[in-house]
Protein backbone atom coordinates (compact mmCIF):
# COMPACT_ATOMS: atom_id res chain seq x y z
CA MET A 1 -15.54 15.51 -4.55
CA GLY A 2 -18.76 17.37 -5.66
CA GLU A 3 -17.48 18.32 -9.02
CA ASP A 4 -20.07 17.39 -12.11
CA ILE A 5 -18.89 15.27 -14.97
CA ASP A 6 -17.64 18.20 -17.05
CA GLN A 7 -15.57 19.52 -14.29
CA GLY A 8 -14.17 16.04 -14.00
CA ARG A 9 -13.11 16.11 -17.50
CA ARG A 10 -11.48 19.46 -17.33
CA THR A 11 -9.48 18.13 -14.44
CA PHE A 12 -8.18 15.19 -16.19
CA LEU A 13 -7.31 17.37 -19.16
CA GLY A 14 -5.16 19.47 -16.56
CA LEU A 15 -7.22 22.47 -17.19
CA ALA A 16 -8.44 22.83 -13.71
CA THR A 17 -6.14 24.85 -11.24
CA GLY A 18 -5.73 24.56 -7.59
CA ALA A 19 -7.59 21.32 -7.49
CA ALA A 20 -8.37 20.79 -3.81
CA VAL A 21 -10.19 18.37 -1.42
CA GLY A 22 -11.22 21.21 0.68
CA GLY A 23 -14.45 22.20 1.98
CA ALA A 24 -16.47 19.23 0.67
CA LEU A 25 -14.60 17.00 3.30
CA GLY A 26 -14.99 19.51 6.13
CA ALA A 27 -11.37 18.59 7.28
CA ALA A 28 -9.09 20.62 5.12
CA ALA A 29 -6.97 22.27 7.91
CA ALA A 30 -4.16 20.41 9.04
CA PRO A 31 -4.16 19.63 12.65
CA PRO A 32 -1.71 21.80 14.81
CA ALA A 33 1.75 20.39 15.97
CA ALA A 34 1.57 18.18 18.90
CA THR A 35 3.93 16.81 21.52
CA ALA A 36 5.16 13.46 20.86
CA PHE A 37 3.35 10.50 22.42
CA ALA A 38 5.66 8.22 24.47
CA LEU A 39 5.08 4.63 23.36
CA SER A 40 5.25 1.72 25.86
CA GLU A 41 7.41 -1.24 25.15
CA THR A 42 4.39 -3.17 24.01
CA LEU A 43 3.57 -0.70 21.36
CA ALA A 44 7.25 -0.21 20.32
CA MET A 45 7.60 -4.05 19.63
CA SER A 46 7.47 -5.46 16.12
CA GLY A 47 4.62 -7.51 15.05
CA GLY A 48 6.79 -10.57 15.30
CA GLU A 49 7.90 -9.83 18.81
CA LEU A 50 4.34 -8.99 19.89
CA SER A 51 3.17 -12.32 18.41
CA GLN A 52 5.96 -14.26 20.25
CA ALA A 53 5.14 -12.53 23.46
CA ILE A 54 1.50 -13.29 23.20
CA GLN A 55 2.07 -16.89 22.39
CA ALA A 56 4.34 -17.26 25.54
CA ARG A 57 1.70 -15.42 27.61
CA ARG A 58 4.24 -12.81 28.67
CA ILE A 59 1.64 -10.34 27.84
CA SER A 60 -2.10 -10.91 27.66
CA CYS A 61 -4.06 -10.22 24.59
CA VAL A 62 -6.28 -7.71 26.94
CA GLU A 63 -3.52 -5.89 27.90
CA VAL A 64 -2.35 -5.59 24.25
CA LEU A 65 -5.60 -4.49 23.09
CA ARG A 66 -6.07 -1.83 25.70
CA GLU A 67 -2.72 -0.35 25.12
CA TYR A 68 -3.42 -0.13 21.50
CA LEU A 69 -6.86 1.36 21.95
CA LYS A 70 -5.47 3.98 24.39
CA HIS A 71 -2.87 4.93 21.84
CA ILE A 72 -5.17 5.08 19.01
CA GLU A 73 -7.58 7.33 20.97
CA ARG A 74 -4.90 9.95 21.37
CA CYS A 75 -3.22 9.60 18.23
CA ASN A 76 -5.60 8.81 15.49
CA PRO A 77 -7.34 12.19 15.53
CA LYS A 78 -4.12 13.95 14.28
CA VAL A 79 -4.01 11.87 11.25
CA ASN A 80 -7.46 10.20 10.62
CA ALA A 81 -5.76 6.76 9.34
CA LEU A 82 -8.12 4.46 11.32
CA VAL A 83 -11.87 4.65 10.38
CA ALA A 84 -15.07 2.51 11.45
CA LEU A 85 -13.55 1.66 14.95
CA GLU A 86 -15.39 -0.99 16.52
CA ASP A 87 -16.86 -0.91 20.21
CA PRO A 88 -13.99 -1.25 22.67
CA ASP A 89 -16.01 -3.33 25.21
CA GLU A 90 -16.79 -5.72 22.24
CA LEU A 91 -13.26 -5.96 21.14
CA LEU A 92 -12.04 -6.53 24.89
CA GLY A 93 -14.38 -9.31 25.05
CA GLN A 94 -12.71 -10.94 22.01
CA ALA A 95 -9.43 -10.35 23.59
CA LEU A 96 -10.41 -12.21 26.72
CA GLU A 97 -11.55 -14.99 24.70
CA ARG A 98 -8.26 -15.18 22.89
CA ASP A 99 -6.41 -15.34 26.44
CA THR A 100 -8.94 -17.96 27.56
CA GLN A 101 -7.91 -20.15 24.39
CA LEU A 102 -4.15 -19.57 25.24
CA ALA A 103 -4.85 -20.82 28.84
CA ARG A 104 -6.30 -23.96 27.40
CA GLY A 105 -3.19 -24.37 25.16
CA GLN A 106 -4.89 -23.45 22.11
CA THR A 107 -3.66 -21.01 19.52
CA LEU A 108 -5.14 -20.00 16.34
CA GLY A 109 -2.04 -18.82 14.56
CA VAL A 110 0.80 -16.23 14.38
CA LEU A 111 -2.06 -13.36 14.61
CA HIS A 112 -3.63 -14.83 17.70
CA GLY A 113 -4.79 -11.78 19.67
CA ILE A 114 -3.33 -9.25 17.34
CA PRO A 115 -5.13 -6.06 16.94
CA HIS A 116 -5.83 -5.43 13.16
CA ALA A 117 -7.63 -2.91 10.89
CA VAL A 118 -8.32 -4.15 7.21
CA LYS A 119 -8.08 -1.81 4.38
CA ASP A 120 -11.45 -0.38 3.55
CA LEU A 121 -11.41 -2.02 0.25
CA GLN A 122 -11.91 -5.48 1.67
CA PRO A 123 -15.24 -6.65 3.31
CA VAL A 124 -14.94 -7.96 6.96
CA ALA A 125 -18.12 -9.66 8.20
CA GLY A 126 -20.07 -7.31 10.61
CA LEU A 127 -17.81 -4.05 9.81
CA ARG A 128 -18.80 -1.10 7.70
CA PHE A 129 -17.55 -1.52 4.25
CA THR A 130 -17.64 1.84 2.40
CA GLN A 131 -14.85 1.50 -0.14
CA GLY A 132 -14.45 5.31 0.51
CA SER A 133 -17.70 5.99 -1.51
CA PRO A 134 -20.88 7.83 -0.37
CA LEU A 135 -22.77 5.10 -2.15
CA PHE A 136 -21.84 2.62 0.52
CA LYS A 137 -21.51 5.02 3.65
CA ASP A 138 -23.91 2.80 5.61
CA PHE A 139 -23.12 -0.62 4.29
CA VAL A 140 -22.19 -3.34 6.69
CA ALA A 141 -20.39 -6.46 5.14
CA GLN A 142 -21.89 -9.68 5.58
CA ASN A 143 -19.07 -11.83 4.66
CA ASP A 144 -15.40 -11.98 4.86
CA SER A 145 -13.05 -11.62 1.68
CA LEU A 146 -10.74 -14.62 0.99
CA MET A 147 -7.62 -12.57 2.45
CA VAL A 148 -9.81 -11.44 5.62
CA ALA A 149 -10.95 -15.04 6.27
CA ARG A 150 -7.18 -16.17 6.42
CA LEU A 151 -6.34 -13.34 8.97
CA ARG A 152 -9.50 -14.25 10.98
CA ALA A 153 -8.37 -17.81 11.02
CA ALA A 154 -4.94 -16.78 12.39
CA GLY A 155 -6.15 -15.12 15.30
CA ALA A 156 -6.42 -11.46 14.38
CA ILE A 157 -8.93 -9.14 16.22
CA PHE A 158 -10.57 -6.77 13.84
CA ILE A 159 -10.74 -3.38 15.34
CA GLY A 160 -11.81 -1.21 12.53
CA LYS A 161 -10.68 -0.33 8.96
CA THR A 162 -7.82 1.82 7.50
CA ASN A 163 -8.89 4.74 5.17
CA THR A 164 -8.54 4.65 1.54
CA PRO A 165 -9.57 7.08 -1.36
CA GLU A 166 -12.79 6.22 -3.09
CA PHE A 167 -12.77 2.84 -4.65
CA GLY A 168 -8.79 3.07 -4.19
CA LEU A 169 -8.34 5.42 -7.20
CA GLY A 170 -5.38 7.64 -6.79
CA SER A 171 -2.47 8.01 -4.58
CA ASN A 172 -3.85 10.47 -2.00
CA THR A 173 -6.13 9.14 0.84
CA TYR A 174 -9.29 11.25 1.06
CA ASN A 175 -12.77 10.52 0.58
CA ALA A 176 -16.46 11.91 1.16
CA VAL A 177 -17.21 9.37 3.74
CA TYR A 178 -14.37 9.63 6.23
CA GLY A 179 -12.16 12.73 5.13
CA ILE A 180 -8.40 13.02 4.63
CA THR A 181 -5.66 10.97 6.15
CA ARG A 182 -2.63 12.75 6.74
CA ASN A 183 1.16 11.85 6.55
CA ALA A 184 2.70 10.45 9.58
CA TYR A 185 5.91 12.72 9.01
CA ASP A 186 3.96 15.95 8.23
CA PRO A 187 0.19 16.29 8.80
CA ALA A 188 0.04 18.98 6.20
CA ARG A 189 0.99 16.52 3.43
CA SER A 190 -0.58 13.55 1.67
CA ALA A 191 -0.32 10.04 3.17
CA GLY A 192 -0.11 8.51 -0.25
CA GLY A 193 -2.61 5.76 -1.19
CA SER A 194 -4.51 3.95 -1.78
CA SER A 195 -3.20 2.03 1.21
CA GLY A 196 -2.46 5.43 3.00
CA GLY A 197 -4.63 4.67 6.14
CA ALA A 198 -2.49 1.45 6.68
CA ALA A 199 0.73 3.10 6.16
CA VAL A 200 0.22 6.02 8.62
CA ALA A 201 -1.32 3.61 11.29
CA LEU A 202 1.91 1.50 10.99
CA ALA A 203 4.25 4.38 11.10
CA LEU A 204 2.45 5.75 14.11
CA ARG A 205 2.59 2.55 15.87
CA MET A 206 -1.30 2.25 16.00
CA LEU A 207 -1.00 -1.22 14.23
CA PRO A 208 1.58 -3.86 14.55
CA PHE A 209 0.82 -5.05 10.94
CA ALA A 210 -1.51 -3.87 8.01
CA ASP A 211 -2.77 -5.13 4.87
CA GLY A 212 -3.11 -3.16 1.68
CA SER A 213 -3.77 -3.64 -2.05
CA ASP A 214 -1.93 -2.32 -5.07
CA TYR A 215 -2.78 -1.65 -8.60
CA GLY A 216 -0.56 1.27 -9.50
CA GLY A 217 1.45 1.68 -6.47
CA SER A 218 -0.86 1.64 -3.51
CA LEU A 219 1.23 -0.66 -1.34
CA ARG A 220 4.54 1.00 -2.29
CA ASN A 221 3.97 4.77 -2.54
CA PRO A 222 2.26 5.21 0.91
CA ALA A 223 4.91 3.09 2.51
CA GLY A 224 7.70 5.11 0.89
CA TRP A 225 5.96 8.36 2.07
CA ASN A 226 5.63 7.10 5.66
CA ASN A 227 8.83 5.32 6.18
CA VAL A 228 7.55 1.76 6.33
CA VAL A 229 7.45 -1.54 4.27
CA GLY A 230 4.97 -2.48 1.73
CA PHE A 231 5.15 -5.56 -0.50
CA ARG A 232 3.35 -5.79 -4.12
CA THR A 233 3.63 -9.52 -4.67
CA SER A 234 3.18 -11.42 -8.03
CA ILE A 235 -0.35 -11.91 -9.36
CA GLY A 236 -1.71 -14.99 -7.78
CA ARG A 237 0.47 -15.05 -4.83
CA THR A 238 -2.26 -14.16 -2.57
CA PRO A 239 -5.60 -15.13 -3.53
CA ASN A 240 -7.93 -12.25 -4.29
CA ASP A 241 -11.71 -12.02 -4.59
CA ALA A 242 -12.81 -10.98 -8.26
CA ARG A 243 -16.14 -11.11 -10.12
CA ASP A 244 -14.12 -12.62 -12.97
CA VAL A 245 -11.77 -15.23 -11.83
CA TRP A 246 -10.36 -15.92 -15.21
CA LEU A 247 -9.62 -12.46 -16.43
CA PRO A 248 -8.26 -10.87 -13.19
CA SER A 249 -7.25 -7.22 -12.45
CA MET A 250 -3.71 -6.34 -12.12
CA SER A 251 -4.50 -5.53 -8.66
CA VAL A 252 -2.91 -7.60 -5.77
CA VAL A 253 -3.49 -7.82 -1.97
CA GLY A 254 -0.41 -7.77 0.14
CA PRO A 255 1.19 -6.92 3.60
CA MET A 256 2.54 -3.77 5.02
CA ALA A 257 4.72 -3.61 8.13
CA ARG A 258 7.55 -1.68 9.94
CA SER A 259 10.01 -4.27 8.88
CA VAL A 260 10.57 -6.80 6.09
CA THR A 261 10.55 -9.86 8.43
CA ASP A 262 7.13 -8.68 9.66
CA ALA A 263 5.86 -8.06 6.05
CA ALA A 264 6.97 -11.63 5.39
CA LEU A 265 5.21 -12.99 8.57
CA LEU A 266 2.03 -11.41 7.48
CA LEU A 267 2.46 -12.67 3.73
CA SER A 268 2.87 -16.21 5.29
CA VAL A 269 -0.97 -15.73 6.27
CA GLN A 270 -2.19 -14.18 3.26
CA ALA A 271 -0.47 -16.33 0.63
CA GLY A 272 -1.18 -19.73 -0.62
CA TYR A 273 -3.46 -21.52 -3.30
CA ASP A 274 -7.16 -21.27 -3.04
CA ALA A 275 -9.38 -23.11 -5.42
CA ARG A 276 -11.90 -20.39 -5.66
CA ALA A 277 -9.08 -18.22 -7.14
CA PRO A 278 -8.03 -20.64 -9.83
CA LEU A 279 -5.13 -18.57 -10.92
CA SER A 280 -3.61 -18.35 -7.58
CA ILE A 281 -0.20 -19.78 -7.12
CA GLU A 282 0.20 -23.32 -5.92
CA GLY A 283 1.89 -23.80 -2.60
CA GLU A 284 1.59 -22.63 1.05
CA GLY A 285 2.17 -19.39 2.44
CA THR A 286 4.33 -20.76 5.08
CA ALA A 287 7.15 -20.63 2.73
CA PHE A 288 7.47 -16.90 3.85
CA ARG A 289 7.44 -17.44 7.60
CA ARG A 290 11.31 -16.86 7.52
CA VAL A 291 13.16 -14.53 5.62
CA PRO A 292 16.17 -16.23 3.74
CA GLU A 293 19.73 -15.06 4.38
CA GLY A 294 22.66 -15.48 2.33
CA ALA A 295 25.72 -13.76 0.72
CA LEU A 296 24.73 -10.77 -1.33
CA LYS A 297 28.30 -10.21 -2.64
CA GLY A 298 28.13 -9.86 -6.37
CA ARG A 299 24.49 -9.54 -6.65
CA ARG A 300 23.81 -7.46 -9.62
CA ILE A 301 21.40 -4.24 -9.15
CA ALA A 302 20.36 -2.02 -11.76
CA PHE A 303 19.12 1.53 -10.59
CA GLY A 304 16.50 2.55 -13.20
CA ALA A 305 16.37 6.11 -11.86
CA ASP A 306 13.78 8.07 -13.74
CA LEU A 307 13.56 5.34 -16.66
CA SER A 308 15.52 7.77 -18.86
CA GLY A 309 13.01 10.56 -18.38
CA HIS A 310 9.71 8.47 -18.82
CA ALA A 311 9.09 8.78 -15.10
CA PRO A 312 10.36 12.31 -14.16
CA CYS A 313 11.22 13.15 -10.55
CA GLU A 314 11.05 16.11 -8.36
CA PRO A 315 14.50 17.45 -7.50
CA GLY A 316 15.85 15.53 -4.39
CA VAL A 317 14.13 12.28 -4.94
CA LEU A 318 16.78 10.68 -7.04
CA GLU A 319 19.62 12.11 -4.69
CA VAL A 320 17.81 10.39 -1.63
CA CYS A 321 17.67 7.09 -3.69
CA ARG A 322 21.32 7.38 -4.77
CA ALA A 323 22.34 7.93 -1.31
CA ALA A 324 20.50 4.72 -0.22
CA LEU A 325 22.11 2.77 -3.28
CA ARG A 326 25.41 3.05 -1.32
CA THR A 327 24.12 0.60 1.36
CA PHE A 328 23.88 -2.08 -1.21
CA SER A 329 27.37 -1.24 -2.63
CA ALA A 330 28.51 -1.61 1.15
CA LEU A 331 26.70 -4.98 1.28
CA GLY A 332 28.85 -6.25 -1.71
CA CYS A 333 26.43 -5.74 -4.61
CA HIS A 334 27.38 -4.48 -7.93
CA VAL A 335 25.34 -1.37 -8.54
CA GLU A 336 24.90 0.55 -12.00
CA GLU A 337 22.25 2.40 -13.95
CA ALA A 338 20.10 0.53 -16.22
CA HIS A 339 16.65 -0.48 -16.97
CA PRO A 340 14.76 -2.94 -19.53
CA ASP A 341 14.79 -1.55 -23.05
CA TYR A 342 11.26 -0.98 -24.55
CA ASP A 343 9.04 1.64 -25.74
CA LEU A 344 7.75 3.10 -22.43
CA GLU A 345 5.28 5.40 -23.76
CA ALA A 346 3.64 2.47 -25.61
CA VAL A 347 3.40 0.56 -22.29
CA TRP A 348 1.95 3.59 -20.58
CA GLN A 349 -0.82 4.00 -23.38
CA ALA A 350 -1.54 0.33 -22.63
CA LEU A 351 -1.69 0.62 -19.09
CA ILE A 352 -4.41 3.37 -19.63
CA LYS A 353 -6.46 1.10 -21.65
CA LEU A 354 -6.23 -2.04 -19.56
CA ARG A 355 -6.89 0.01 -16.24
CA GLY A 356 -10.00 1.64 -17.69
CA TRP A 357 -11.19 -1.58 -18.85
CA GLN A 358 -10.60 -3.57 -15.59
CA THR A 359 -11.58 -0.69 -13.19
CA GLY A 360 -14.45 0.57 -15.37
CA SER A 361 -15.94 -2.86 -15.61
CA ASN A 362 -16.50 -3.00 -11.84
CA LEU A 363 -17.67 0.55 -11.59
CA LEU A 364 -20.08 0.48 -14.84
CA GLY A 365 -23.21 -0.31 -12.90
CA TYR A 366 -23.09 2.65 -10.85
CA TYR A 367 -22.34 4.88 -13.82
CA ASN A 368 -25.37 3.52 -15.73
CA ASP A 369 -27.61 4.76 -12.76
CA PRO A 370 -27.68 8.52 -13.13
CA ALA A 371 -28.26 9.17 -9.32
CA LYS A 372 -25.28 7.03 -8.56
CA ARG A 373 -23.09 8.56 -11.30
CA ALA A 374 -23.45 12.01 -9.71
CA GLN A 375 -21.97 10.57 -6.51
CA LEU A 376 -18.76 8.99 -8.46
CA LYS A 377 -15.26 10.93 -8.12
CA PRO A 378 -14.02 12.31 -11.23
CA GLU A 379 -11.21 9.64 -11.27
CA ALA A 380 -13.93 6.91 -11.19
CA LEU A 381 -15.69 8.67 -14.21
CA TYR A 382 -12.40 8.70 -16.03
CA GLU A 383 -11.63 5.16 -15.84
CA ILE A 384 -15.30 4.23 -16.78
CA GLU A 385 -15.18 6.44 -19.72
CA THR A 386 -11.66 5.28 -20.97
CA GLY A 387 -13.08 1.73 -20.90
CA LEU A 388 -16.33 2.58 -22.72
CA LYS A 389 -14.14 3.78 -25.77
CA LEU A 390 -12.61 0.43 -26.21
CA SER A 391 -13.30 -2.56 -28.41
CA ALA A 392 -12.43 -6.14 -27.44
CA TYR A 393 -9.54 -5.91 -30.18
CA ASP A 394 -8.31 -2.79 -28.45
CA ILE A 395 -7.90 -4.56 -24.95
CA SER A 396 -6.09 -7.45 -26.88
CA ALA A 397 -3.62 -5.27 -28.45
CA ALA A 398 -2.72 -3.36 -25.12
CA SER A 399 -2.41 -6.90 -23.64
CA VAL A 400 0.02 -7.89 -26.26
CA VAL A 401 2.19 -4.82 -25.46
CA ARG A 402 1.98 -5.82 -21.66
CA SER A 403 3.23 -9.12 -22.72
CA GLU A 404 6.21 -7.61 -24.58
CA TRP A 405 7.15 -5.59 -21.81
CA TYR A 406 7.05 -8.53 -19.47
CA GLU A 407 9.35 -10.31 -22.06
CA ALA A 408 11.91 -7.47 -22.01
CA THR A 409 11.84 -7.16 -18.31
CA ARG A 410 12.23 -11.28 -18.13
CA ARG A 411 15.24 -10.88 -20.37
CA PHE A 412 16.31 -7.90 -18.29
CA PHE A 413 16.56 -10.25 -15.39
CA GLU A 414 18.73 -12.57 -16.97
CA ARG A 415 21.47 -9.84 -16.83
CA TYR A 416 20.53 -8.38 -13.46
CA ASP A 417 19.32 -9.83 -10.26
CA PHE A 418 17.31 -6.92 -9.22
CA LEU A 419 15.98 -3.55 -10.52
CA ILE A 420 15.51 -0.62 -7.98
CA LEU A 421 13.60 2.53 -8.52
CA PRO A 422 11.92 5.09 -6.19
CA THR A 423 8.47 4.44 -4.72
CA ALA A 424 7.16 7.79 -5.88
CA GLN A 425 8.53 10.50 -8.39
CA MET A 426 8.04 13.17 -5.68
CA PHE A 427 7.81 13.66 -2.01
CA PRO A 428 4.36 14.21 -0.39
CA PHE A 429 2.50 17.09 -1.83
CA PRO A 430 -0.14 19.18 0.30
CA ALA A 431 -2.83 16.80 1.40
CA GLU A 432 -5.84 19.06 0.28
CA GLU A 433 -4.57 18.50 -3.37
CA HIS A 434 -6.41 16.05 -5.29
CA TRP A 435 -3.29 15.13 -7.29
CA PRO A 436 -0.27 17.01 -8.81
CA GLN A 437 -1.08 18.82 -11.99
CA ARG A 438 2.52 19.40 -12.87
CA LEU A 439 5.87 17.42 -12.12
CA ALA A 440 9.33 18.33 -12.75
CA GLY A 441 7.94 21.00 -15.27
CA ARG A 442 5.67 18.65 -17.14
CA GLN A 443 1.93 18.84 -17.28
CA MET A 444 0.23 15.73 -16.01
CA ARG A 445 -2.16 14.29 -18.61
CA THR A 446 -3.96 11.88 -16.33
CA TYR A 447 -4.71 11.84 -12.42
CA HIS A 448 -2.09 9.22 -12.07
CA GLU A 449 0.86 9.98 -14.64
CA TRP A 450 2.77 11.25 -11.76
CA MET A 451 2.84 7.53 -10.52
CA LYS A 452 4.53 6.10 -13.65
CA GLY A 453 7.53 4.62 -11.93
CA THR A 454 5.06 2.25 -9.96
CA LEU A 455 2.56 1.62 -12.81
CA LEU A 456 4.97 0.56 -15.34
CA ILE A 457 6.37 -1.88 -12.83
CA THR A 458 2.69 -3.30 -12.24
CA MET A 459 2.64 -3.94 -16.03
CA THR A 460 5.77 -6.21 -15.77
CA GLY A 461 4.11 -8.62 -13.34
CA SER A 462 7.14 -8.50 -11.16
CA PRO A 463 6.99 -8.57 -7.30
CA SER A 464 8.20 -5.18 -5.71
CA LEU A 465 9.26 -4.59 -2.09
CA ALA A 466 8.98 -1.05 -0.83
CA VAL A 467 11.71 -0.25 1.80
CA PRO A 468 12.46 3.33 3.23
CA ALA A 469 15.39 5.23 1.30
CA GLY A 470 15.65 8.04 3.60
CA PHE A 471 14.33 11.78 3.79
CA SER A 472 14.51 14.99 2.00
CA ARG A 473 16.08 18.17 3.52
CA GLU A 474 12.52 19.18 4.65
CA GLY A 475 12.30 15.85 6.58
CA LEU A 476 9.74 14.09 4.27
CA PRO A 477 10.23 10.30 3.52
CA MET A 478 11.00 8.59 0.19
CA GLY A 479 11.32 4.76 -0.45
CA LEU A 480 12.88 2.17 -2.68
CA GLN A 481 11.32 -0.44 -4.90
CA ILE A 482 13.28 -3.51 -4.77
CA ILE A 483 11.89 -5.44 -7.91
CA ALA A 484 12.85 -8.95 -8.93
CA ALA A 485 11.75 -11.34 -11.65
CA ASN A 486 8.22 -12.74 -11.63
CA ARG A 487 7.54 -14.83 -8.43
CA ARG A 488 10.84 -14.18 -6.96
CA GLU A 489 9.43 -12.81 -3.67
CA LEU A 490 11.89 -14.53 -1.51
CA ASP A 491 14.74 -12.78 -3.52
CA CYS A 492 13.18 -9.24 -2.87
CA LEU A 493 12.71 -10.23 0.95
CA ALA A 494 16.23 -11.45 1.38
CA LEU A 495 17.91 -8.23 -0.31
CA GLY A 496 15.38 -6.15 1.51
CA HIS A 497 16.21 -7.55 4.96
CA ALA A 498 19.87 -7.27 4.63
CA TYR A 499 19.40 -3.63 3.40
CA GLU A 500 17.19 -2.86 6.31
CA GLU A 501 19.68 -4.26 8.73
CA ALA A 502 22.36 -1.92 7.44
CA SER A 503 20.23 1.16 7.18
CA ASP A 504 17.56 1.01 10.10
CA TRP A 505 15.44 3.84 8.96
CA VAL A 506 12.38 2.80 10.89
CA ARG A 507 14.21 2.81 14.30
CA LEU A 508 16.57 5.92 13.52
CA ARG A 509 13.60 8.19 12.24
CA PRO A 510 10.32 7.65 13.81
CA PRO A 511 7.59 10.12 13.28
CA PRO A 512 7.51 13.42 15.28
CA LEU A 513 4.30 12.36 16.81
CA VAL A 514 5.62 9.43 18.61
CA LYS A 515 8.57 8.82 20.93
CA LEU A 516 10.23 5.35 21.08
CA PRO A 517 11.26 3.88 24.55
CA VAL A 518 15.03 4.54 25.12
CA SER A 519 15.74 0.65 25.03
CA THR A 520 14.61 0.42 21.37
C-alpha cells in the first residue's frame, strides 16, 4: 500500500515476492477462532421473507434493526465487512418512522424498513464515501447515485457501507482506510473482491440483501468464495452513474443475496430504464420480481472448465465444479464440455487495453497531481499507465476484438442454452497477500490475470449468475457462473433457482461463525 511507483511496476511484472498487505494496514493478523453466534429466527429469514414479515407487520422495523445491529456489533469485528456504520440512535429513529408509515397503511416498497449497507464505490447522501482510497478517507457524499436512489425510494435504511478494495481494483478486499475484510468461512483467507464486504456480510447474516458492482468478477468471485449469490447483469440492465454516458465502462452494478429469488427481488428495484443513462435497457425492473419456473429437461449446458488452459485452475476447483454439474444432469439438462471458439489470448490483450483506458480515464486526474499519485495503489498506477500508452486507434482495434468475441459467443448460444464456468480459478488465498503471483505453475503477468475466467466473460456482455458450487477438502467455498446470451437474465435466474432448490448449499453449509435455528 505504501509502495512507490517503481515498486508497483516490479510487482506487476511478477518480480516482487511475498507481496503482502501486512503492516501498512495494521490489521494483518487473522482473528482467533470464535464460538458460533446463534441466530434468531429474524436473522435467519431470507430477504424476501423479512420483507413480507415487515409488510404484514408481523415484526416491526425497529425490532428488525435492533437485531441486526446487535448481531453486527458482535460479528463484524471478526471479519471487517461493514464500514462507516451510522449512529444506532439515528438509525432507530428511521426505523420508527418506517413503522409509523406502515401503521398509516403506507409502504415505500419491497425494501421498506430493511437494513442495507451500500458498497463503498457508490455515494449515499450523508454517508462517508471513501472508495477505499486515502484520498477520500474523510469525504461525505452529498447525493445518492442512481442505484442508491432506487434503494432509498424502495424503503431501505442505510446503516453504513460494505468494504471494497481501493477504487474496486483487484479481487481481494483491503484498503488503507478500513483494512482487510476476511472470508466468512476462514478469516485467514481473502474475501474476494471487489464486493468482498458485501459477500461476507451476507454470508454471516449481517445483511439480508447486498448490492455490488462488477467489472472483472467483483459480483461473482466474492459470491463464490463466501457461498452466496451474485449477479452480473447485461450492460444497461441497471442504470449506472458515469462521467461519460455514451462510452460506458464494462462495469455494471447488480444484486447479491443468499438466494436466487432474493437476488431477483433486489434486481427488481435496481433495474429499469433511466433517461440519465441513455444506454440503459428499456423496461421496468418489476419483470424480475418473480423468478420464472419451467421444465429444464433437455436444456443444453456447456461446461467451459479452464477454457482449454487459457484460464488455468488450482487443483480441486474443477473437481468441485464437475461434482456440482451432476445436479444439472439430475434436473434433466444435457451437460458436456465446450466453450466458444476464438483466440482467447487476443481477447485478453484487448481486455487489458480497454480496462486501462476505461479505468485509467477515471483516475488520471489524481495521477497528474504528484501528491495524490503517491497515495494511489500500484494496481491503479498500472491501469492509468496502460491507458496512457494507447492511441484512439489502439482502443478501436481492441473494441473490434471485443465485438468479434461477442459474435463468437452469440453463435455459441445458438447451440447451447448456457455456458458454465467456475467463479474463480483458485480457492481463497491468504488475506494478507495482495494477489497471487503464481497459479497452476504459471507466473501471473498482471494483478488480475488469475481472474481470466470472469474477465473473459465480462468481454462477452453476457449476464452471469454466480451460485454456490460446493467446498474444497479444506472447507473453502467455490461457485459456478451460470452464463446466458446477452439480456437473458431471466434464463439465468430460472436455471439458478432450480439448481439452488436441488443443492441448497447456503442452508446446508453456513459459515462456522454463525449457527442457524433448528427450524431452518
